[in-house]
PDB file of N, CA and C in Angstrom:
ATOM      1  N   MET A   1      33.324 -59.292 -43.080  1.00  0.00           N
ATOM      2  CA  MET A   1      32.549 -60.037 -42.111  1.00  0.00           C
ATOM      3  C   MET A   1      31.752 -59.052 -41.271  1.00  0.00           C
ATOM      4  N   ASN A   2      30.506 -59.337 -41.075  1.00  0.00           N
ATOM      5  CA  ASN A   2      29.605 -58.478 -40.297  1.00  0.00           C
ATOM      6  C   ASN A   2      29.951 -58.565 -38.806  1.00  0.00           C
ATOM      7  N   ALA A   3      30.048 -57.400 -38.158  1.00  0.00           N
ATOM      8  CA  ALA A   3      30.454 -57.358 -36.755  1.00  0.00           C
ATOM      9  C   ALA A   3      29.428 -58.083 -35.851  1.00  0.00           C
ATOM     10  N   SER A   4      28.161 -57.972 -36.175  1.00  0.00           N
ATOM     11  CA  SER A   4      27.137 -58.574 -35.307  1.00  0.00           C
ATOM     12  C   SER A   4      27.177 -60.116 -35.357  1.00  0.00           C
ATOM     13  N   ARG A   5      27.698 -60.672 -36.414  1.00  0.00           N
ATOM     14  CA  ARG A   5      27.821 -62.136 -36.498  1.00  0.00           C
ATOM     15  C   ARG A   5      28.863 -62.681 -35.544  1.00  0.00           C
ATOM     16  N   LYS A   6      29.827 -61.888 -35.194  1.00  0.00           N
ATOM     17  CA  LYS A   6      30.898 -62.319 -34.293  1.00  0.00           C
ATOM     18  C   LYS A   6      30.618 -61.982 -32.837  1.00  0.00           C
ATOM     19  N   GLY A   7      29.417 -61.502 -32.549  1.00  0.00           N
ATOM     20  CA  GLY A   7      29.079 -61.168 -31.168  1.00  0.00           C
ATOM     21  C   GLY A   7      29.429 -59.747 -30.774  1.00  0.00           C
ATOM     22  N   TRP A   8      29.785 -58.910 -31.715  1.00  0.00           N
ATOM     23  CA  TRP A   8      30.086 -57.510 -31.428  1.00  0.00           C
ATOM     24  C   TRP A   8      29.072 -56.664 -32.171  1.00  0.00           C
ATOM     25  N   PRO A   9      27.926 -56.398 -31.577  1.00  0.00           N
ATOM     26  CA  PRO A   9      26.939 -55.539 -32.241  1.00  0.00           C
ATOM     27  C   PRO A   9      27.525 -54.152 -32.542  1.00  0.00           C
ATOM     28  N   GLU A  10      27.049 -53.581 -33.621  1.00  0.00           N
ATOM     29  CA  GLU A  10      27.520 -52.277 -34.043  1.00  0.00           C
ATOM     30  C   GLU A  10      27.445 -51.237 -32.943  1.00  0.00           C
ATOM     31  N   ARG A  11      26.399 -51.268 -32.163  1.00  0.00           N
ATOM     32  CA  ARG A  11      26.229 -50.296 -31.055  1.00  0.00           C
ATOM     33  C   ARG A  11      27.305 -50.461 -30.009  1.00  0.00           C
ATOM     34  N   THR A  12      27.667 -51.700 -29.679  1.00  0.00           N
ATOM     35  CA  THR A  12      28.737 -51.949 -28.690  1.00  0.00           C
ATOM     36  C   THR A  12      30.067 -51.399 -29.188  1.00  0.00           C
ATOM     37  N   ILE A  13      30.361 -51.572 -30.447  1.00  0.00           N
ATOM     38  CA  ILE A  13      31.610 -51.074 -30.999  1.00  0.00           C
ATOM     39  C   ILE A  13      31.638 -49.543 -30.956  1.00  0.00           C
ATOM     40  N   TYR A  14      30.510 -48.928 -31.286  1.00  0.00           N
ATOM     41  CA  TYR A  14      30.405 -47.472 -31.245  1.00  0.00           C
ATOM     42  C   TYR A  14      30.575 -46.985 -29.803  1.00  0.00           C
ATOM     43  N   ASP A  15      29.958 -47.691 -28.850  1.00  0.00           N
ATOM     44  CA  ASP A  15      30.103 -47.311 -27.460  1.00  0.00           C
ATOM     45  C   ASP A  15      31.546 -47.429 -26.974  1.00  0.00           C
ATOM     46  N   LEU A  16      32.242 -48.466 -27.404  1.00  0.00           N
ATOM     47  CA  LEU A  16      33.666 -48.608 -27.051  1.00  0.00           C
ATOM     48  C   LEU A  16      34.480 -47.477 -27.666  1.00  0.00           C
ATOM     49  N   PHE A  17      34.168 -47.084 -28.879  1.00  0.00           N
ATOM     50  CA  PHE A  17      34.831 -45.965 -29.534  1.00  0.00           C
ATOM     51  C   PHE A  17      34.616 -44.681 -28.731  1.00  0.00           C
ATOM     52  N   LEU A  18      33.361 -44.414 -28.357  1.00  0.00           N
ATOM     53  CA  LEU A  18      33.065 -43.204 -27.576  1.00  0.00           C
ATOM     54  C   LEU A  18      33.735 -43.254 -26.208  1.00  0.00           C
ATOM     55  N   LEU A  19      33.741 -44.391 -25.584  1.00  0.00           N
ATOM     56  CA  LEU A  19      34.422 -44.568 -24.289  1.00  0.00           C
ATOM     57  C   LEU A  19      35.895 -44.213 -24.414  1.00  0.00           C
ATOM     58  N   ASN A  20      36.540 -44.709 -25.453  1.00  0.00           N
ATOM     59  CA  ASN A  20      37.955 -44.427 -25.664  1.00  0.00           C
ATOM     60  C   ASN A  20      38.212 -42.947 -25.910  1.00  0.00           C
ATOM     61  N   ILE A  21      37.342 -42.292 -26.665  1.00  0.00           N
ATOM     62  CA  ILE A  21      37.488 -40.848 -26.898  1.00  0.00           C
ATOM     63  C   ILE A  21      37.324 -40.104 -25.577  1.00  0.00           C
ATOM     64  N   ALA A  22      36.313 -40.494 -24.795  1.00  0.00           N
ATOM     65  CA  ALA A  22      36.078 -39.842 -23.490  1.00  0.00           C
ATOM     66  C   ALA A  22      37.282 -40.047 -22.556  1.00  0.00           C
ATOM     67  N   LEU A  23      37.861 -41.238 -22.577  1.00  0.00           N
ATOM     68  CA  LEU A  23      39.051 -41.526 -21.755  1.00  0.00           C
ATOM     69  C   LEU A  23      40.239 -40.673 -22.188  1.00  0.00           C
ATOM     70  N   GLN A  24      40.392 -40.458 -23.473  1.00  0.00           N
ATOM     71  CA  GLN A  24      41.452 -39.582 -23.960  1.00  0.00           C
ATOM     72  C   GLN A  24      41.251 -38.148 -23.487  1.00  0.00           C
ATOM     73  N   LEU A  25      40.032 -37.648 -23.589  1.00  0.00           N
ATOM     74  CA  LEU A  25      39.736 -36.299 -23.121  1.00  0.00           C
ATOM     75  C   LEU A  25      39.952 -36.177 -21.632  1.00  0.00           C
ATOM     76  N   PHE A  26      39.467 -37.173 -20.870  1.00  0.00           N
ATOM     77  CA  PHE A  26      39.685 -37.177 -19.429  1.00  0.00           C
ATOM     78  C   PHE A  26      41.174 -37.146 -19.118  1.00  0.00           C
ATOM     79  N   ASP A  27      41.943 -37.971 -19.796  1.00  0.00           N
ATOM     80  CA  ASP A  27      43.368 -38.076 -19.515  1.00  0.00           C
ATOM     81  C   ASP A  27      44.057 -36.748 -19.774  1.00  0.00           C
ATOM     82  N   GLY A  28      43.694 -36.068 -20.850  1.00  0.00           N
ATOM     83  CA  GLY A  28      44.298 -34.780 -21.144  1.00  0.00           C
ATOM     84  C   GLY A  28      43.987 -33.740 -20.084  1.00  0.00           C
ATOM     85  N   VAL A  29      42.716 -33.648 -19.720  1.00  0.00           N
ATOM     86  CA  VAL A  29      42.312 -32.668 -18.704  1.00  0.00           C
ATOM     87  C   VAL A  29      42.890 -33.038 -17.339  1.00  0.00           C
ATOM     88  N   ALA A  30      42.812 -34.314 -16.953  1.00  0.00           N
ATOM     89  CA  ALA A  30      43.333 -34.761 -15.673  1.00  0.00           C
ATOM     90  C   ALA A  30      44.840 -34.540 -15.577  1.00  0.00           C
ATOM     91  N   THR A  31      45.551 -34.824 -16.653  1.00  0.00           N
ATOM     92  CA  THR A  31      46.999 -34.636 -16.647  1.00  0.00           C
ATOM     93  C   THR A  31      47.314 -33.162 -16.475  1.00  0.00           C
ATOM     94  N   TYR A  32      46.652 -32.292 -17.203  1.00  0.00           N
ATOM     95  CA  TYR A  32      46.902 -30.876 -17.093  1.00  0.00           C
ATOM     96  C   TYR A  32      46.607 -30.386 -15.662  1.00  0.00           C
ATOM     97  N   GLN A  33      45.445 -30.770 -15.133  1.00  0.00           N
ATOM     98  CA  GLN A  33      45.113 -30.323 -13.774  1.00  0.00           C
ATOM     99  C   GLN A  33      46.062 -30.928 -12.732  1.00  0.00           C
ATOM    100  N   GLY A  34      46.372 -32.203 -12.913  1.00  0.00           N
ATOM    101  CA  GLY A  34      47.295 -32.863 -11.985  1.00  0.00           C
ATOM    102  C   GLY A  34      48.653 -32.214 -11.959  1.00  0.00           C
ATOM    103  N   LEU A  35      49.187 -31.847 -13.113  1.00  0.00           N
ATOM    104  CA  LEU A  35      50.468 -31.162 -13.169  1.00  0.00           C
ATOM    105  C   LEU A  35      50.394 -29.802 -12.511  1.00  0.00           C
ATOM    106  N   ARG A  36      49.293 -29.104 -12.700  1.00  0.00           N
ATOM    107  CA  ARG A  36      49.112 -27.785 -12.057  1.00  0.00           C
ATOM    108  C   ARG A  36      49.060 -27.911 -10.554  1.00  0.00           C
ATOM    109  N   CYS A  37      48.590 -29.081 -10.056  1.00  0.00           N
ATOM    110  CA  CYS A  37      48.499 -29.298  -8.609  1.00  0.00           C
ATOM    111  C   CYS A  37      49.773 -29.898  -8.026  1.00  0.00           C
ATOM    112  N   GLY A  38      50.798 -30.090  -8.853  1.00  0.00           N
ATOM    113  CA  GLY A  38      52.070 -30.562  -8.345  1.00  0.00           C
ATOM    114  C   GLY A  38      52.350 -32.064  -8.526  1.00  0.00           C
ATOM    115  N   PHE A  39      51.433 -32.767  -9.141  1.00  0.00           N
ATOM    116  CA  PHE A  39      51.665 -34.192  -9.412  1.00  0.00           C
ATOM    117  C   PHE A  39      52.606 -34.359 -10.608  1.00  0.00           C
ATOM    118  N   GLN A  40      53.248 -35.487 -10.709  1.00  0.00           N
ATOM    119  CA  GLN A  40      54.162 -35.789 -11.786  1.00  0.00           C
ATOM    120  C   GLN A  40      53.493 -36.706 -12.841  1.00  0.00           C
ATOM    121  N   GLU A  41      53.848 -36.493 -14.076  1.00  0.00           N
ATOM    122  CA  GLU A  41      53.395 -37.371 -15.159  1.00  0.00           C
ATOM    123  C   GLU A  41      54.214 -38.646 -15.100  1.00  0.00           C
ATOM    124  N   ALA A  42      53.535 -39.800 -15.199  1.00  0.00           N
ATOM    125  CA  ALA A  42      54.233 -41.073 -15.136  1.00  0.00           C
ATOM    126  C   ALA A  42      54.846 -41.476 -16.494  1.00  0.00           C
ATOM    127  N   ASN A  43      54.312 -40.987 -17.582  1.00  0.00           N
ATOM    128  CA  ASN A  43      54.766 -41.385 -18.912  1.00  0.00           C
ATOM    129  C   ASN A  43      56.062 -40.623 -19.257  1.00  0.00           C
ATOM    130  N   PRO A  44      57.191 -41.335 -19.393  1.00  0.00           N
ATOM    131  CA  PRO A  44      58.452 -40.638 -19.671  1.00  0.00           C
ATOM    132  C   PRO A  44      58.476 -39.958 -21.037  1.00  0.00           C
ATOM    133  N   LEU A  45      57.763 -40.460 -22.004  1.00  0.00           N
ATOM    134  CA  LEU A  45      57.723 -39.822 -23.318  1.00  0.00           C
ATOM    135  C   LEU A  45      57.026 -38.445 -23.220  1.00  0.00           C
ATOM    136  N   LEU A  46      55.905 -38.409 -22.515  1.00  0.00           N
ATOM    137  CA  LEU A  46      55.239 -37.133 -22.304  1.00  0.00           C
ATOM    138  C   LEU A  46      56.110 -36.166 -21.503  1.00  0.00           C
ATOM    139  N   ARG A  47      56.732 -36.658 -20.420  1.00  0.00           N
ATOM    140  CA  ARG A  47      57.586 -35.811 -19.602  1.00  0.00           C
ATOM    141  C   ARG A  47      58.693 -35.161 -20.435  1.00  0.00           C
ATOM    142  N   SER A  48      59.341 -35.931 -21.277  1.00  0.00           N
ATOM    143  CA  SER A  48      60.424 -35.378 -22.069  1.00  0.00           C
ATOM    144  C   SER A  48      59.905 -34.390 -23.115  1.00  0.00           C
ATOM    145  N   THR A  49      58.724 -34.639 -23.650  1.00  0.00           N
ATOM    146  CA  THR A  49      58.159 -33.755 -24.651  1.00  0.00           C
ATOM    147  C   THR A  49      57.640 -32.452 -24.005  1.00  0.00           C
ATOM    148  N   PHE A  50      57.224 -32.531 -22.750  1.00  0.00           N
ATOM    149  CA  PHE A  50      56.805 -31.321 -22.032  1.00  0.00           C
ATOM    150  C   PHE A  50      57.935 -30.306 -22.063  1.00  0.00           C
ATOM    151  N   ALA A  51      59.178 -30.776 -21.860  1.00  0.00           N
ATOM    152  CA  ALA A  51      60.332 -29.878 -21.817  1.00  0.00           C
ATOM    153  C   ALA A  51      60.579 -29.210 -23.175  1.00  0.00           C
ATOM    154  N   LEU A  52      60.241 -29.904 -24.232  1.00  0.00           N
ATOM    155  CA  LEU A  52      60.484 -29.370 -25.575  1.00  0.00           C
ATOM    156  C   LEU A  52      59.366 -28.447 -26.072  1.00  0.00           C
ATOM    157  N   LEU A  53      58.117 -28.857 -25.862  1.00  0.00           N
ATOM    158  CA  LEU A  53      56.972 -28.151 -26.452  1.00  0.00           C
ATOM    159  C   LEU A  53      56.095 -27.444 -25.473  1.00  0.00           C
ATOM    160  N   GLY A  54      56.243 -27.719 -24.192  1.00  0.00           N
ATOM    161  CA  GLY A  54      55.336 -27.171 -23.190  1.00  0.00           C
ATOM    162  C   GLY A  54      54.203 -28.155 -22.919  1.00  0.00           C
ATOM    163  N   ILE A  55      53.578 -27.997 -21.793  1.00  0.00           N
ATOM    164  CA  ILE A  55      52.547 -28.938 -21.354  1.00  0.00           C
ATOM    165  C   ILE A  55      51.337 -28.899 -22.261  1.00  0.00           C
ATOM    166  N   GLU A  56      50.787 -27.699 -22.506  1.00  0.00           N
ATOM    167  CA  GLU A  56      49.574 -27.580 -23.267  1.00  0.00           C
ATOM    168  C   GLU A  56      49.730 -28.148 -24.693  1.00  0.00           C
ATOM    169  N   THR A  57      50.777 -27.707 -25.364  1.00  0.00           N
ATOM    170  CA  THR A  57      51.004 -28.132 -26.746  1.00  0.00           C
ATOM    171  C   THR A  57      51.192 -29.657 -26.826  1.00  0.00           C
ATOM    172  N   THR A  58      51.990 -30.184 -25.888  1.00  0.00           N
ATOM    173  CA  THR A  58      52.240 -31.629 -25.860  1.00  0.00           C
ATOM    174  C   THR A  58      50.934 -32.397 -25.686  1.00  0.00           C
ATOM    175  N   LEU A  59      50.152 -31.981 -24.713  1.00  0.00           N
ATOM    176  CA  LEU A  59      48.889 -32.709 -24.455  1.00  0.00           C
ATOM    177  C   LEU A  59      47.949 -32.635 -25.659  1.00  0.00           C
ATOM    178  N   ILE A  60      47.850 -31.455 -26.261  1.00  0.00           N
ATOM    179  CA  ILE A  60      46.966 -31.338 -27.418  1.00  0.00           C
ATOM    180  C   ILE A  60      47.449 -32.227 -28.558  1.00  0.00           C
ATOM    181  N   LEU A  61      48.755 -32.228 -28.843  1.00  0.00           N
ATOM    182  CA  LEU A  61      49.261 -33.025 -29.926  1.00  0.00           C
ATOM    183  C   LEU A  61      49.115 -34.533 -29.649  1.00  0.00           C
ATOM    184  N   PHE A  62      49.447 -34.969 -28.466  1.00  0.00           N
ATOM    185  CA  PHE A  62      49.362 -36.389 -28.144  1.00  0.00           C
ATOM    186  C   PHE A  62      47.904 -36.876 -28.133  1.00  0.00           C
ATOM    187  N   LYS A  63      47.014 -36.079 -27.576  1.00  0.00           N
ATOM    188  CA  LYS A  63      45.608 -36.475 -27.508  1.00  0.00           C
ATOM    189  C   LYS A  63      44.983 -36.416 -28.909  1.00  0.00           C
ATOM    190  N   ALA A  64      45.350 -35.437 -29.724  1.00  0.00           N
ATOM    191  CA  ALA A  64      44.837 -35.389 -31.086  1.00  0.00           C
ATOM    192  C   ALA A  64      45.299 -36.608 -31.869  1.00  0.00           C
ATOM    193  N   GLN A  65      46.542 -37.001 -31.694  1.00  0.00           N
ATOM    194  CA  GLN A  65      47.058 -38.191 -32.384  1.00  0.00           C
ATOM    195  C   GLN A  65      46.308 -39.434 -31.900  1.00  0.00           C
ATOM    196  N   ALA A  66      46.121 -39.576 -30.592  1.00  0.00           N
ATOM    197  CA  ALA A  66      45.428 -40.750 -30.056  1.00  0.00           C
ATOM    198  C   ALA A  66      43.990 -40.805 -30.578  1.00  0.00           C
ATOM    199  N   CYS A  67      43.304 -39.661 -30.608  1.00  0.00           N
ATOM    200  CA  CYS A  67      41.929 -39.630 -31.117  1.00  0.00           C
ATOM    201  C   CYS A  67      41.921 -39.924 -32.628  1.00  0.00           C
ATOM    202  N   GLY A  68      42.898 -39.462 -33.361  1.00  0.00           N
ATOM    203  CA  GLY A  68      43.009 -39.794 -34.754  1.00  0.00           C
ATOM    204  C   GLY A  68      43.150 -41.286 -35.001  1.00  0.00           C
ATOM    205  N   VAL A  69      43.953 -41.934 -34.166  1.00  0.00           N
ATOM    206  CA  VAL A  69      44.104 -43.392 -34.278  1.00  0.00           C
ATOM    207  C   VAL A  69      42.793 -44.076 -33.958  1.00  0.00           C
ATOM    208  N   LEU A  70      42.086 -43.570 -32.939  1.00  0.00           N
ATOM    209  CA  LEU A  70      40.788 -44.165 -32.589  1.00  0.00           C
ATOM    210  C   LEU A  70      39.771 -43.999 -33.743  1.00  0.00           C
ATOM    211  N   PHE A  71      39.754 -42.871 -34.405  1.00  0.00           N
ATOM    212  CA  PHE A  71      38.878 -42.677 -35.559  1.00  0.00           C
ATOM    213  C   PHE A  71      39.265 -43.664 -36.692  1.00  0.00           C
ATOM    214  N   LEU A  72      40.559 -43.855 -36.890  1.00  0.00           N
ATOM    215  CA  LEU A  72      41.006 -44.801 -37.908  1.00  0.00           C
ATOM    216  C   LEU A  72      40.583 -46.224 -37.533  1.00  0.00           C
ATOM    217  N   LEU A  73      40.751 -46.591 -36.281  1.00  0.00           N
ATOM    218  CA  LEU A  73      40.298 -47.898 -35.833  1.00  0.00           C
ATOM    219  C   LEU A  73      38.785 -48.072 -36.026  1.00  0.00           C
ATOM    220  N   HIS A  74      38.037 -47.045 -35.699  1.00  0.00           N
ATOM    221  CA  HIS A  74      36.584 -47.110 -35.846  1.00  0.00           C
ATOM    222  C   HIS A  74      36.186 -47.336 -37.313  1.00  0.00           C
ATOM    223  N   ARG A  75      36.969 -46.745 -38.198  1.00  0.00           N
ATOM    224  CA  ARG A  75      36.684 -46.906 -39.618  1.00  0.00           C
ATOM    225  C   ARG A  75      36.775 -48.395 -40.031  1.00  0.00           C
ATOM    226  N   TYR A  76      37.648 -49.140 -39.390  1.00  0.00           N
ATOM    227  CA  TYR A  76      37.828 -50.586 -39.690  1.00  0.00           C
ATOM    228  C   TYR A  76      37.181 -51.430 -38.642  1.00  0.00           C
ATOM    229  N   ARG A  77      36.084 -50.958 -38.098  1.00  0.00           N
ATOM    230  CA  ARG A  77      35.423 -51.621 -36.984  1.00  0.00           C
ATOM    231  C   ARG A  77      34.866 -53.019 -37.299  1.00  0.00           C
ATOM    232  N   HIS A  78      34.742 -53.345 -38.561  1.00  0.00           N
ATOM    233  CA  HIS A  78      34.197 -54.665 -38.902  1.00  0.00           C
ATOM    234  C   HIS A  78      35.228 -55.785 -38.809  1.00  0.00           C
ATOM    235  N   ARG A  79      36.448 -55.414 -38.595  1.00  0.00           N
ATOM    236  CA  ARG A  79      37.500 -56.446 -38.414  1.00  0.00           C
ATOM    237  C   ARG A  79      37.542 -56.830 -36.939  1.00  0.00           C
ATOM    238  N   HIS A  80      37.548 -58.105 -36.675  1.00  0.00           N
ATOM    239  CA  HIS A  80      37.490 -58.593 -35.305  1.00  0.00           C
ATOM    240  C   HIS A  80      38.659 -58.054 -34.454  1.00  0.00           C
ATOM    241  N   SER A  81      39.842 -57.989 -35.018  1.00  0.00           N
ATOM    242  CA  SER A  81      40.995 -57.521 -34.238  1.00  0.00           C
ATOM    243  C   SER A  81      40.836 -56.082 -33.801  1.00  0.00           C
ATOM    244  N   VAL A  82      40.182 -55.269 -34.606  1.00  0.00           N
ATOM    245  CA  VAL A  82      39.969 -53.856 -34.226  1.00  0.00           C
ATOM    246  C   VAL A  82      38.972 -53.758 -33.108  1.00  0.00           C
ATOM    247  N   GLN A  83      37.954 -54.572 -33.149  1.00  0.00           N
ATOM    248  CA  GLN A  83      36.959 -54.559 -32.088  1.00  0.00           C
ATOM    249  C   GLN A  83      37.590 -54.946 -30.775  1.00  0.00           C
ATOM    250  N   LEU A  84      38.401 -55.976 -30.794  1.00  0.00           N
ATOM    251  CA  LEU A  84      39.108 -56.408 -29.593  1.00  0.00           C
ATOM    252  C   LEU A  84      40.083 -55.342 -29.147  1.00  0.00           C
ATOM    253  N   ALA A  85      40.773 -54.685 -30.065  1.00  0.00           N
ATOM    254  CA  ALA A  85      41.712 -53.627 -29.734  1.00  0.00           C
ATOM    255  C   ALA A  85      41.026 -52.473 -28.992  1.00  0.00           C
ATOM    256  N   LEU A  86      39.859 -52.058 -29.444  1.00  0.00           N
ATOM    257  CA  LEU A  86      39.127 -50.995 -28.780  1.00  0.00           C
ATOM    258  C   LEU A  86      38.786 -51.360 -27.345  1.00  0.00           C
ATOM    259  N   ALA A  87      38.441 -52.608 -27.106  1.00  0.00           N
ATOM    260  CA  ALA A  87      38.131 -53.059 -25.761  1.00  0.00           C
ATOM    261  C   ALA A  87      39.375 -53.089 -24.883  1.00  0.00           C
ATOM    262  N   ILE A  88      40.460 -53.586 -25.426  1.00  0.00           N
ATOM    263  CA  ILE A  88      41.731 -53.672 -24.678  1.00  0.00           C
ATOM    264  C   ILE A  88      42.247 -52.278 -24.361  1.00  0.00           C
ATOM    265  N   VAL A  89      42.220 -51.371 -25.325  1.00  0.00           N
ATOM    266  CA  VAL A  89      42.696 -50.006 -25.093  1.00  0.00           C
ATOM    267  C   VAL A  89      41.873 -49.319 -23.988  1.00  0.00           C
ATOM    268  N   ALA A  90      40.570 -49.539 -23.985  1.00  0.00           N
ATOM    269  CA  ALA A  90      39.718 -48.960 -22.946  1.00  0.00           C
ATOM    270  C   ALA A  90      40.112 -49.482 -21.568  1.00  0.00           C
ATOM    271  N   VAL A  91      40.326 -50.770 -21.453  1.00  0.00           N
ATOM    272  CA  VAL A  91      40.703 -51.359 -20.145  1.00  0.00           C
ATOM    273  C   VAL A  91      42.064 -50.823 -19.719  1.00  0.00           C
ATOM    274  N   VAL A  92      43.021 -50.792 -20.603  1.00  0.00           N
ATOM    275  CA  VAL A  92      44.367 -50.284 -20.265  1.00  0.00           C
ATOM    276  C   VAL A  92      44.282 -48.836 -19.814  1.00  0.00           C
ATOM    277  N   HIS A  93      43.505 -48.035 -20.566  1.00  0.00           N
ATOM    278  CA  HIS A  93      43.367 -46.613 -20.187  1.00  0.00           C
ATOM    279  C   HIS A  93      42.686 -46.449 -18.836  1.00  0.00           C
ATOM    280  N   LEU A  94      41.705 -47.288 -18.558  1.00  0.00           N
ATOM    281  CA  LEU A  94      41.054 -47.223 -17.266  1.00  0.00           C
ATOM    282  C   LEU A  94      42.030 -47.542 -16.145  1.00  0.00           C
ATOM    283  N   LEU A  95      42.852 -48.552 -16.345  1.00  0.00           N
ATOM    284  CA  LEU A  95      43.804 -48.994 -15.302  1.00  0.00           C
ATOM    285  C   LEU A  95      44.981 -48.062 -15.115  1.00  0.00           C
ATOM    286  N   PHE A  96      45.507 -47.514 -16.190  1.00  0.00           N
ATOM    287  CA  PHE A  96      46.764 -46.779 -16.139  1.00  0.00           C
ATOM    288  C   PHE A  96      46.584 -45.249 -16.251  1.00  0.00           C
ATOM    289  N   SER A  97      45.386 -44.774 -16.457  1.00  0.00           N
ATOM    290  CA  SER A  97      45.148 -43.343 -16.531  1.00  0.00           C
ATOM    291  C   SER A  97      43.995 -42.925 -15.649  1.00  0.00           C
ATOM    292  N   PHE A  98      42.810 -43.437 -15.954  1.00  0.00           N
ATOM    293  CA  PHE A  98      41.609 -43.002 -15.242  1.00  0.00           C
ATOM    294  C   PHE A  98      41.703 -43.241 -13.725  1.00  0.00           C
ATOM    295  N   LEU A  99      42.014 -44.466 -13.326  1.00  0.00           N
ATOM    296  CA  LEU A  99      42.087 -44.772 -11.888  1.00  0.00           C
ATOM    297  C   LEU A  99      43.209 -44.021 -11.189  1.00  0.00           C
ATOM    298  N   PRO A 100      44.454 -44.006 -11.721  1.00  0.00           N
ATOM    299  CA  PRO A 100      45.496 -43.255 -11.012  1.00  0.00           C
ATOM    300  C   PRO A 100      45.202 -41.740 -10.918  1.00  0.00           C
ATOM    301  N   TRP A 101      44.775 -41.119 -12.007  1.00  0.00           N
ATOM    302  CA  TRP A 101      44.497 -39.670 -11.953  1.00  0.00           C
ATOM    303  C   TRP A 101      43.290 -39.387 -11.042  1.00  0.00           C
ATOM    304  N   THR A 102      42.301 -40.228 -11.078  1.00  0.00           N
ATOM    305  CA  THR A 102      41.154 -40.039 -10.199  1.00  0.00           C
ATOM    306  C   THR A 102      41.590 -40.098  -8.748  1.00  0.00           C
ATOM    307  N   ALA A 103      42.381 -41.084  -8.390  1.00  0.00           N
ATOM    308  CA  ALA A 103      42.863 -41.215  -7.033  1.00  0.00           C
ATOM    309  C   ALA A 103      43.713 -40.023  -6.604  1.00  0.00           C
ATOM    310  N   LYS A 104      44.603 -39.575  -7.493  1.00  0.00           N
ATOM    311  CA  LYS A 104      45.462 -38.433  -7.154  1.00  0.00           C
ATOM    312  C   LYS A 104      44.623 -37.172  -6.985  1.00  0.00           C
ATOM    313  N   LEU A 105      43.700 -36.930  -7.887  1.00  0.00           N
ATOM    314  CA  LEU A 105      42.921 -35.685  -7.790  1.00  0.00           C
ATOM    315  C   LEU A 105      41.946 -35.730  -6.625  1.00  0.00           C
ATOM    316  N   LEU A 106      41.387 -36.887  -6.332  1.00  0.00           N
ATOM    317  CA  LEU A 106      40.504 -37.012  -5.153  1.00  0.00           C
ATOM    318  C   LEU A 106      41.276 -36.828  -3.862  1.00  0.00           C
ATOM    319  N   SER A 107      42.553 -37.167  -3.851  1.00  0.00           N
ATOM    320  CA  SER A 107      43.353 -36.970  -2.636  1.00  0.00           C
ATOM    321  C   SER A 107      43.460 -35.517  -2.245  1.00  0.00           C
ATOM    322  N   LEU A 108      43.271 -34.633  -3.188  1.00  0.00           N
ATOM    323  CA  LEU A 108      43.285 -33.200  -2.912  1.00  0.00           C
ATOM    324  C   LEU A 108      42.031 -32.737  -2.182  1.00  0.00           C
ATOM    325  N   VAL A 109      40.947 -33.453  -2.360  1.00  0.00           N
ATOM    326  CA  VAL A 109      39.676 -33.095  -1.765  1.00  0.00           C
ATOM    327  C   VAL A 109      39.562 -33.637  -0.358  1.00  0.00           C
ATOM    328  N   VAL A 110      40.082 -34.835  -0.151  1.00  0.00           N
ATOM    329  CA  VAL A 110      39.912 -35.502   1.134  1.00  0.00           C
ATOM    330  C   VAL A 110      40.892 -35.022   2.155  1.00  0.00           C
TER     331      VAL A 110
END
């Protein structure tokens, strides 16, 4: 089924894909900087893996895996469920990563 027939133009799907990649990169950098500034990671899976592999290695592995999944999703972009998934993942990442880390890091400036 063509994505544009369902109201999801190809460009919009590509933009959602790029937004998700950018959010993953932001999350990795913000997490690293936040931890260096004394903030705690909220994700218990990441926290426990930090102890095993170190912060840098853990972040690189988790972000590489997340980006790999995003590339896989983009490959199947013509399926309606994938298009919706990219939108939902972006919103969840904005709410639970971008906004909290932005607020924490901005608190250092103010």
